[in-house]
Amino acid sequence: MARVINDDCVSCGTCEAECPVGAIAEGDGKYVIDADACVDCGACEGACPTGAIVEE
């Protein structure tokens, strides 16, 4: 199960840097996670300062 980034995202980019497989990219107004590339490791969720990353 992949994680998703909700509207609490402030586009800081911290999650993108933490993703070991490059599944996170800057989207329109917030970062997005490519569900097909996500390996559900949770590194991004722990790094997010606003708690915007949650399990889908």
PDB file of N, CA and C in Angstrom:
ATOM      1  N   MET A   1       0.848  -1.191   0.000  1.00  0.00           N
ATOM      2  CA  MET A   1       0.000   0.000   0.000  1.00  0.00           C
ATOM      3  C   MET A   1       0.886   1.245   0.000  1.00  0.00           C
ATOM      4  N   ALA A   2       0.713   2.086  -0.957  1.00  0.00           N
ATOM      5  CA  ALA A   2       1.506   3.306  -1.068  1.00  0.00           C
ATOM      6  C   ALA A   2       0.989   4.381  -0.114  1.00  0.00           C
ATOM      7  N   ARG A   3       1.822   5.328   0.125  1.00  0.00           N
ATOM      8  CA  ARG A   3       1.431   6.476   0.934  1.00  0.00           C
ATOM      9  C   ARG A   3       0.993   7.603  -0.002  1.00  0.00           C
ATOM     10  N   VAL A   4       0.256   8.568   0.539  1.00  0.00           N
ATOM     11  CA  VAL A   4      -0.189   9.726  -0.225  1.00  0.00           C
ATOM     12  C   VAL A   4       0.143  10.984   0.566  1.00  0.00           C
ATOM     13  N   ILE A   5       0.214  12.092  -0.131  1.00  0.00           N
ATOM     14  CA  ILE A   5       0.473  13.381   0.499  1.00  0.00           C
ATOM     15  C   ILE A   5      -0.813  14.191   0.452  1.00  0.00           C
ATOM     16  N   ASN A   6      -1.298  14.597   1.620  1.00  0.00           N
ATOM     17  CA  ASN A   6      -2.567  15.327   1.669  1.00  0.00           C
ATOM     18  C   ASN A   6      -2.343  16.839   1.559  1.00  0.00           C
ATOM     19  N   ASP A   7      -3.402  17.588   1.734  1.00  0.00           N
ATOM     20  CA  ASP A   7      -3.362  19.041   1.546  1.00  0.00           C
ATOM     21  C   ASP A   7      -2.601  19.785   2.650  1.00  0.00           C
ATOM     22  N   ASP A   8      -2.128  19.084   3.668  1.00  0.00           N
ATOM     23  CA  ASP A   8      -1.310  19.732   4.700  1.00  0.00           C
ATOM     24  C   ASP A   8       0.112  19.991   4.209  1.00  0.00           C
ATOM     25  N   CYS A   9       0.449  19.487   3.022  1.00  0.00           N
ATOM     26  CA  CYS A   9       1.786  19.671   2.437  1.00  0.00           C
ATOM     27  C   CYS A   9       2.075  21.154   2.220  1.00  0.00           C
ATOM     28  N   VAL A  10       3.279  21.572   2.630  1.00  0.00           N
ATOM     29  CA  VAL A  10       3.703  22.962   2.450  1.00  0.00           C
ATOM     30  C   VAL A  10       4.798  23.077   1.388  1.00  0.00           C
ATOM     31  N   SER A  11       4.992  22.015   0.618  1.00  0.00           N
ATOM     32  CA  SER A  11       5.967  21.973  -0.490  1.00  0.00           C
ATOM     33  C   SER A  11       7.389  22.292  -0.053  1.00  0.00           C
ATOM     34  N   CYS A  12       7.794  21.754   1.101  1.00  0.00           N
ATOM     35  CA  CYS A  12       9.150  22.011   1.588  1.00  0.00           C
ATOM     36  C   CYS A  12      10.193  21.128   0.904  1.00  0.00           C
ATOM     37  N   GLY A  13       9.774  19.983   0.365  1.00  0.00           N
ATOM     38  CA  GLY A  13      10.685  19.100  -0.345  1.00  0.00           C
ATOM     39  C   GLY A  13      11.447  18.113   0.512  1.00  0.00           C
ATOM     40  N   THR A  14      11.233  18.129   1.803  1.00  0.00           N
ATOM     41  CA  THR A  14      11.942  17.217   2.694  1.00  0.00           C
ATOM     42  C   THR A  14      11.676  15.761   2.326  1.00  0.00           C
ATOM     43  N   CYS A  15      10.458  15.440   2.012  1.00  0.00           N
ATOM     44  CA  CYS A  15      10.093  14.059   1.685  1.00  0.00           C
ATOM     45  C   CYS A  15      10.795  13.572   0.417  1.00  0.00           C
ATOM     46  N   GLU A  16      10.903  14.427  -0.571  1.00  0.00           N
ATOM     47  CA  GLU A  16      11.538  14.044  -1.831  1.00  0.00           C
ATOM     48  C   GLU A  16      12.983  13.608  -1.596  1.00  0.00           C
ATOM     49  N   ALA A  17      13.683  14.337  -0.751  1.00  0.00           N
ATOM     50  CA  ALA A  17      15.073  14.016  -0.451  1.00  0.00           C
ATOM     51  C   ALA A  17      15.216  12.708   0.323  1.00  0.00           C
ATOM     52  N   GLU A  18      14.204  12.341   1.082  1.00  0.00           N
ATOM     53  CA  GLU A  18      14.263  11.128   1.900  1.00  0.00           C
ATOM     54  C   GLU A  18      13.860   9.861   1.155  1.00  0.00           C
ATOM     55  N   CYS A  19      13.194   9.985   0.033  1.00  0.00           N
ATOM     56  CA  CYS A  19      12.689   8.809  -0.686  1.00  0.00           C
ATOM     57  C   CYS A  19      13.834   8.040  -1.348  1.00  0.00           C
ATOM     58  N   PRO A  20      14.043   6.770  -0.954  1.00  0.00           N
ATOM     59  CA  PRO A  20      15.162   6.006  -1.499  1.00  0.00           C
ATOM     60  C   PRO A  20      14.959   5.531  -2.939  1.00  0.00           C
ATOM     61  N   VAL A  21      13.734   5.592  -3.439  1.00  0.00           N
ATOM     62  CA  VAL A  21      13.462   5.109  -4.800  1.00  0.00           C
ATOM     63  C   VAL A  21      13.012   6.214  -5.748  1.00  0.00           C
ATOM     64  N   GLY A  22      13.034   7.454  -5.297  1.00  0.00           N
ATOM     65  CA  GLY A  22      12.666   8.578  -6.157  1.00  0.00           C
ATOM     66  C   GLY A  22      11.205   8.614  -6.561  1.00  0.00           C
ATOM     67  N   ALA A  23      10.332   8.158  -5.663  1.00  0.00           N
ATOM     68  CA  ALA A  23       8.905   8.089  -5.968  1.00  0.00           C
ATOM     69  C   ALA A  23       8.161   9.394  -5.706  1.00  0.00           C
ATOM     70  N   ILE A  24       8.842  10.404  -5.184  1.00  0.00           N
ATOM     71  CA  ILE A  24       8.188  11.664  -4.831  1.00  0.00           C
ATOM     72  C   ILE A  24       8.691  12.779  -5.742  1.00  0.00           C
ATOM     73  N   ALA A  25       7.742  13.569  -6.231  1.00  0.00           N
ATOM     74  CA  ALA A  25       8.084  14.682  -7.115  1.00  0.00           C
ATOM     75  C   ALA A  25       7.208  15.880  -6.784  1.00  0.00           C
ATOM     76  N   GLU A  26       7.686  17.050  -7.182  1.00  0.00           N
ATOM     77  CA  GLU A  26       6.914  18.273  -6.966  1.00  0.00           C
ATOM     78  C   GLU A  26       5.723  18.273  -7.903  1.00  0.00           C
ATOM     79  N   GLY A  27       4.545  18.483  -7.331  1.00  0.00           N
ATOM     80  CA  GLY A  27       3.323  18.538  -8.122  1.00  0.00           C
ATOM     81  C   GLY A  27       2.786  19.948  -8.183  1.00  0.00           C
ATOM     82  N   ASP A  28       1.533  20.072  -8.487  1.00  0.00           N
ATOM     83  CA  ASP A  28       0.873  21.366  -8.595  1.00  0.00           C
ATOM     84  C   ASP A  28       0.372  21.802  -7.221  1.00  0.00           C
ATOM     85  N   GLY A  29       1.180  22.573  -6.515  1.00  0.00           N
ATOM     86  CA  GLY A  29       0.784  23.074  -5.207  1.00  0.00           C
ATOM     87  C   GLY A  29       1.206  22.206  -4.040  1.00  0.00           C
ATOM     88  N   LYS A  30       1.606  20.973  -4.305  1.00  0.00           N
ATOM     89  CA  LYS A  30       2.099  20.081  -3.258  1.00  0.00           C
ATOM     90  C   LYS A  30       2.892  18.955  -3.914  1.00  0.00           C
ATOM     91  N   TYR A  31       3.648  18.236  -3.120  1.00  0.00           N
ATOM     92  CA  TYR A  31       4.398  17.098  -3.641  1.00  0.00           C
ATOM     93  C   TYR A  31       3.452  15.916  -3.820  1.00  0.00           C
ATOM     94  N   VAL A  32       3.828  15.000  -4.705  1.00  0.00           N
ATOM     95  CA  VAL A  32       3.005  13.822  -4.978  1.00  0.00           C
ATOM     96  C   VAL A  32       3.885  12.573  -4.952  1.00  0.00           C
ATOM     97  N   ILE A  33       3.269  11.451  -4.626  1.00  0.00           N
ATOM     98  CA  ILE A  33       3.959  10.175  -4.582  1.00  0.00           C
ATOM     99  C   ILE A  33       3.456   9.299  -5.717  1.00  0.00           C
ATOM    100  N   ASP A  34       4.375   8.758  -6.500  1.00  0.00           N
ATOM    101  CA  ASP A  34       4.040   7.826  -7.570  1.00  0.00           C
ATOM    102  C   ASP A  34       3.771   6.475  -6.914  1.00  0.00           C
ATOM    103  N   ALA A  35       2.512   6.071  -6.864  1.00  0.00           N
ATOM    104  CA  ALA A  35       2.119   4.838  -6.183  1.00  0.00           C
ATOM    105  C   ALA A  35       2.780   3.605  -6.779  1.00  0.00           C
ATOM    106  N   ASP A  36       3.059   3.626  -8.071  1.00  0.00           N
ATOM    107  CA  ASP A  36       3.693   2.473  -8.715  1.00  0.00           C
ATOM    108  C   ASP A  36       5.160   2.341  -8.327  1.00  0.00           C
ATOM    109  N   ALA A  37       5.800   3.442  -8.002  1.00  0.00           N
ATOM    110  CA  ALA A  37       7.222   3.420  -7.638  1.00  0.00           C
ATOM    111  C   ALA A  37       7.433   3.293  -6.128  1.00  0.00           C
ATOM    112  N   CYS A  38       6.462   3.687  -5.340  1.00  0.00           N
ATOM    113  CA  CYS A  38       6.570   3.673  -3.877  1.00  0.00           C
ATOM    114  C   CYS A  38       6.741   2.244  -3.356  1.00  0.00           C
ATOM    115  N   VAL A  39       7.729   2.044  -2.469  1.00  0.00           N
ATOM    116  CA  VAL A  39       7.958   0.733  -1.864  1.00  0.00           C
ATOM    117  C   VAL A  39       7.445   0.689  -0.419  1.00  0.00           C
ATOM    118  N   ASP A  40       6.703   1.706  -0.023  1.00  0.00           N
ATOM    119  CA  ASP A  40       6.049   1.768   1.280  1.00  0.00           C
ATOM    120  C   ASP A  40       7.028   1.617   2.446  1.00  0.00           C
ATOM    121  N   CYS A  41       8.184   2.264   2.343  1.00  0.00           N
ATOM    122  CA  CYS A  41       9.199   2.150   3.401  1.00  0.00           C
ATOM    123  C   CYS A  41       8.908   3.077   4.585  1.00  0.00           C
ATOM    124  N   GLY A  42       8.170   4.167   4.349  1.00  0.00           N
ATOM    125  CA  GLY A  42       7.822   5.089   5.426  1.00  0.00           C
ATOM    126  C   GLY A  42       8.837   6.175   5.715  1.00  0.00           C
ATOM    127  N   ALA A  43       9.941   6.212   4.982  1.00  0.00           N
ATOM    128  CA  ALA A  43      10.971   7.226   5.231  1.00  0.00           C
ATOM    129  C   ALA A  43      10.415   8.632   5.065  1.00  0.00           C
ATOM    130  N   CYS A  44       9.588   8.831   4.076  1.00  0.00           N
ATOM    131  CA  CYS A  44       9.011  10.148   3.817  1.00  0.00           C
ATOM    132  C   CYS A  44       8.065  10.577   4.929  1.00  0.00           C
ATOM    133  N   GLU A  45       7.276   9.641   5.402  1.00  0.00           N
ATOM    134  CA  GLU A  45       6.302   9.954   6.446  1.00  0.00           C
ATOM    135  C   GLU A  45       6.996  10.447   7.707  1.00  0.00           C
ATOM    136  N   GLY A  46       8.085   9.801   8.079  1.00  0.00           N
ATOM    137  CA  GLY A  46       8.833  10.200   9.262  1.00  0.00           C
ATOM    138  C   GLY A  46       9.539  11.535   9.100  1.00  0.00           C
ATOM    139  N   ALA A  47       9.850  11.896   7.863  1.00  0.00           N
ATOM    140  CA  ALA A  47      10.575  13.139   7.599  1.00  0.00           C
ATOM    141  C   ALA A  47       9.672  14.356   7.456  1.00  0.00           C
ATOM    142  N   CYS A  48       8.409  14.153   7.164  1.00  0.00           N
ATOM    143  CA  CYS A  48       7.488  15.259   6.886  1.00  0.00           C
ATOM    144  C   CYS A  48       7.216  16.094   8.143  1.00  0.00           C
ATOM    145  N   PRO A  49       7.543  17.392   8.101  1.00  0.00           N
ATOM    146  CA  PRO A  49       7.354  18.236   9.285  1.00  0.00           C
ATOM    147  C   PRO A  49       5.896  18.581   9.576  1.00  0.00           C
ATOM    148  N   THR A  50       4.999  18.385   8.605  1.00  0.00           N
ATOM    149  CA  THR A  50       3.589  18.734   8.830  1.00  0.00           C
ATOM    150  C   THR A  50       2.683  17.512   8.975  1.00  0.00           C
ATOM    151  N   GLY A  51       3.225  16.318   8.859  1.00  0.00           N
ATOM    152  CA  GLY A  51       2.410  15.116   8.960  1.00  0.00           C
ATOM    153  C   GLY A  51       1.482  14.931   7.783  1.00  0.00           C
ATOM    154  N   ALA A  52       1.869  15.454   6.631  1.00  0.00           N
ATOM    155  CA  ALA A  52       1.000  15.425   5.441  1.00  0.00           C
ATOM    156  C   ALA A  52       1.040  14.093   4.706  1.00  0.00           C
ATOM    157  N   ILE A  53       1.945  13.203   5.082  1.00  0.00           N
ATOM    158  CA  ILE A  53       2.059  11.920   4.383  1.00  0.00           C
ATOM    159  C   ILE A  53       1.412  10.838   5.221  1.00  0.00           C
ATOM    160  N   VAL A  54       0.444  10.165   4.618  1.00  0.00           N
ATOM    161  CA  VAL A  54      -0.330   9.141   5.301  1.00  0.00           C
ATOM    162  C   VAL A  54      -0.473   7.903   4.434  1.00  0.00           C
ATOM    163  N   GLU A  55      -0.813   6.785   5.044  1.00  0.00           N
ATOM    164  CA  GLU A  55      -1.079   5.571   4.278  1.00  0.00           C
ATOM    165  C   GLU A  55      -2.369   5.746   3.501  1.00  0.00           C
ATOM    166  N   GLU A  56      -2.358   5.275   2.287  1.00  0.00           N
ATOM    167  CA  GLU A  56      -3.532   5.401   1.412  1.00  0.00           C
ATOM    168  C   GLU A  56      -4.628   4.462   1.845  1.00  0.00           C
TER     169      GLU A  56
END
